[in-house]
Amino acid sequence: MILASVIVVLAFLALFLILHVVKGHHATGRDLDQLASRLQAVDVDAFRNLIDEREEEYLREHLPQREFRGIQRERKLAAIEY
């Protein structure tokens, strides 16, 4: 009797797990569609320029300190926007 009860409980747990997995995959498809609709194109060359350490060094060497800090701040904010 105990063995039969354990088997029934395990069967219900297995059924619940299967239903949970199936529903999870179905919901993921919907989420991916929503995500795909929110994707935006990225200008990779511009982004690389914003995060390029050599470009930062060039600006540091060729701009006054105050101007460099302002431009560097704008560059970092722009990189975050990407």
C-alpha atoms as a PDB file:
ATOM      1  CA  MET A   1       0.000   0.000   0.000  1.00  0.00           C
ATOM      2  CA  ILE A   2       2.797   2.410   0.866  1.00  0.00           C
ATOM      3  CA  LEU A   3       4.622   1.566  -2.352  1.00  0.00           C
ATOM      4  CA  ALA A   4       1.508   2.324  -4.395  1.00  0.00           C
ATOM      5  CA  SER A   5       1.080   5.676  -2.631  1.00  0.00           C
ATOM      6  CA  VAL A   6       4.709   6.604  -3.288  1.00  0.00           C
ATOM      7  CA  ILE A   7       4.347   5.708  -6.965  1.00  0.00           C
ATOM      8  CA  VAL A   8       1.185   7.822  -7.282  1.00  0.00           C
ATOM      9  CA  VAL A   9       2.855  10.801  -5.604  1.00  0.00           C
ATOM     10  CA  LEU A  10       5.919  10.454  -7.839  1.00  0.00           C
ATOM     11  CA  ALA A  11       3.688  10.240 -10.905  1.00  0.00           C
ATOM     12  CA  PHE A  12       1.918  13.472  -9.932  1.00  0.00           C
ATOM     13  CA  LEU A  13       5.244  15.174  -9.301  1.00  0.00           C
ATOM     14  CA  ALA A  14       6.531  14.022 -12.687  1.00  0.00           C
ATOM     15  CA  LEU A  15       3.361  15.273 -14.377  1.00  0.00           C
ATOM     16  CA  PHE A  16       3.659  18.621 -12.614  1.00  0.00           C
ATOM     17  CA  LEU A  17       7.308  18.906 -13.655  1.00  0.00           C
ATOM     18  CA  ILE A  18       6.508  18.098 -17.277  1.00  0.00           C
ATOM     19  CA  LEU A  19       3.697  20.668 -17.376  1.00  0.00           C
ATOM     20  CA  HIS A  20       5.934  23.274 -15.766  1.00  0.00           C
ATOM     21  CA  VAL A  21       8.694  22.688 -18.319  1.00  0.00           C
ATOM     22  CA  VAL A  22       6.283  22.815 -21.255  1.00  0.00           C
ATOM     23  CA  LYS A  23       4.691  26.049 -20.040  1.00  0.00           C
ATOM     24  CA  GLY A  24       8.120  27.522 -19.381  1.00  0.00           C
ATOM     25  CA  HIS A  25       9.258  26.908 -22.948  1.00  0.00           C
ATOM     26  CA  HIS A  26       6.071  28.387 -24.337  1.00  0.00           C
ATOM     27  CA  ALA A  27       6.450  31.553 -22.258  1.00  0.00           C
ATOM     28  CA  THR A  28      10.096  31.892 -23.286  1.00  0.00           C
ATOM     29  CA  GLY A  29       9.099  32.089 -26.936  1.00  0.00           C
ATOM     30  CA  ARG A  30       6.782  34.976 -26.164  1.00  0.00           C
ATOM     31  CA  ASP A  31       9.496  36.737 -24.174  1.00  0.00           C
ATOM     32  CA  LEU A  32      11.959  36.321 -27.027  1.00  0.00           C
ATOM     33  CA  ASP A  33       9.492  37.893 -29.439  1.00  0.00           C
ATOM     34  CA  GLN A  34       9.114  40.863 -27.115  1.00  0.00           C
ATOM     35  CA  LEU A  35      12.874  41.133 -26.786  1.00  0.00           C
ATOM     36  CA  ALA A  36      13.383  40.973 -30.542  1.00  0.00           C
ATOM     37  CA  SER A  37      10.962  43.849 -31.031  1.00  0.00           C
ATOM     38  CA  ARG A  38      13.048  45.997 -28.657  1.00  0.00           C
ATOM     39  CA  LEU A  39      16.425  45.361 -30.311  1.00  0.00           C
ATOM     40  CA  GLN A  40      18.187  48.353 -31.806  1.00  0.00           C
ATOM     41  CA  ALA A  41      20.996  48.580 -34.325  1.00  0.00           C
ATOM     42  CA  VAL A  42      24.400  49.494 -32.906  1.00  0.00           C
ATOM     43  CA  ASP A  43      27.159  51.364 -34.728  1.00  0.00           C
ATOM     44  CA  VAL A  44      29.991  49.068 -33.681  1.00  0.00           C
ATOM     45  CA  ASP A  45      32.763  51.340 -34.953  1.00  0.00           C
ATOM     46  CA  ALA A  46      31.415  54.294 -32.995  1.00  0.00           C
ATOM     47  CA  PHE A  47      31.071  52.178 -29.854  1.00  0.00           C
ATOM     48  CA  ARG A  48      34.617  50.872 -30.199  1.00  0.00           C
ATOM     49  CA  ASN A  49      35.850  54.436 -30.569  1.00  0.00           C
ATOM     50  CA  LEU A  50      34.052  55.442 -27.379  1.00  0.00           C
ATOM     51  CA  ILE A  51      35.703  52.701 -25.329  1.00  0.00           C
ATOM     52  CA  ASP A  52      39.119  52.752 -27.030  1.00  0.00           C
ATOM     53  CA  GLU A  53      41.896  53.379 -24.506  1.00  0.00           C
ATOM     54  CA  ARG A  54      44.224  54.723 -27.204  1.00  0.00           C
ATOM     55  CA  GLU A  55      41.621  57.322 -28.154  1.00  0.00           C
ATOM     56  CA  GLU A  56      41.316  58.283 -24.503  1.00  0.00           C
ATOM     57  CA  GLU A  57      45.088  58.718 -24.232  1.00  0.00           C
ATOM     58  CA  TYR A  58      45.128  60.813 -27.403  1.00  0.00           C
ATOM     59  CA  LEU A  59      42.430  63.101 -26.053  1.00  0.00           C
ATOM     60  CA  ARG A  60      44.169  63.328 -22.684  1.00  0.00           C
ATOM     61  CA  GLU A  61      47.411  64.423 -24.370  1.00  0.00           C
ATOM     62  CA  HIS A  62      45.837  66.912 -26.783  1.00  0.00           C
ATOM     63  CA  LEU A  63      43.130  68.591 -24.705  1.00  0.00           C
ATOM     64  CA  PRO A  64      43.278  70.782 -21.632  1.00  0.00           C
ATOM     65  CA  GLN A  65      42.481  68.800 -18.469  1.00  0.00           C
ATOM     66  CA  ARG A  66      39.118  70.450 -17.868  1.00  0.00           C
ATOM     67  CA  GLU A  67      37.965  69.959 -21.454  1.00  0.00           C
ATOM     68  CA  PHE A  68      39.213  66.364 -21.444  1.00  0.00           C
ATOM     69  CA  ARG A  69      37.206  65.528 -18.320  1.00  0.00           C
ATOM     70  CA  GLY A  70      34.034  66.961 -19.848  1.00  0.00           C
ATOM     71  CA  ILE A  71      34.477  65.140 -23.128  1.00  0.00           C
ATOM     72  CA  GLN A  72      35.452  61.913 -21.393  1.00  0.00           C
ATOM     73  CA  ARG A  73      32.317  62.109 -19.277  1.00  0.00           C
ATOM     74  CA  GLU A  74      30.202  62.568 -22.411  1.00  0.00           C
ATOM     75  CA  ARG A  75      31.970  59.644 -24.084  1.00  0.00           C
ATOM     76  CA  LYS A  76      31.297  57.360 -21.121  1.00  0.00           C
ATOM     77  CA  LEU A  77      27.641  58.369 -20.979  1.00  0.00           C
ATOM     78  CA  ALA A  78      27.334  57.733 -24.715  1.00  0.00           C
ATOM     79  CA  ALA A  79      28.932  54.288 -24.288  1.00  0.00           C
ATOM     80  CA  ILE A  80      26.421  53.494 -21.553  1.00  0.00           C
ATOM     81  CA  GLU A  81      23.597  54.478 -23.916  1.00  0.00           C
ATOM     82  CA  TYR A  82      24.745  51.784 -26.334  1.00  0.00           C
END
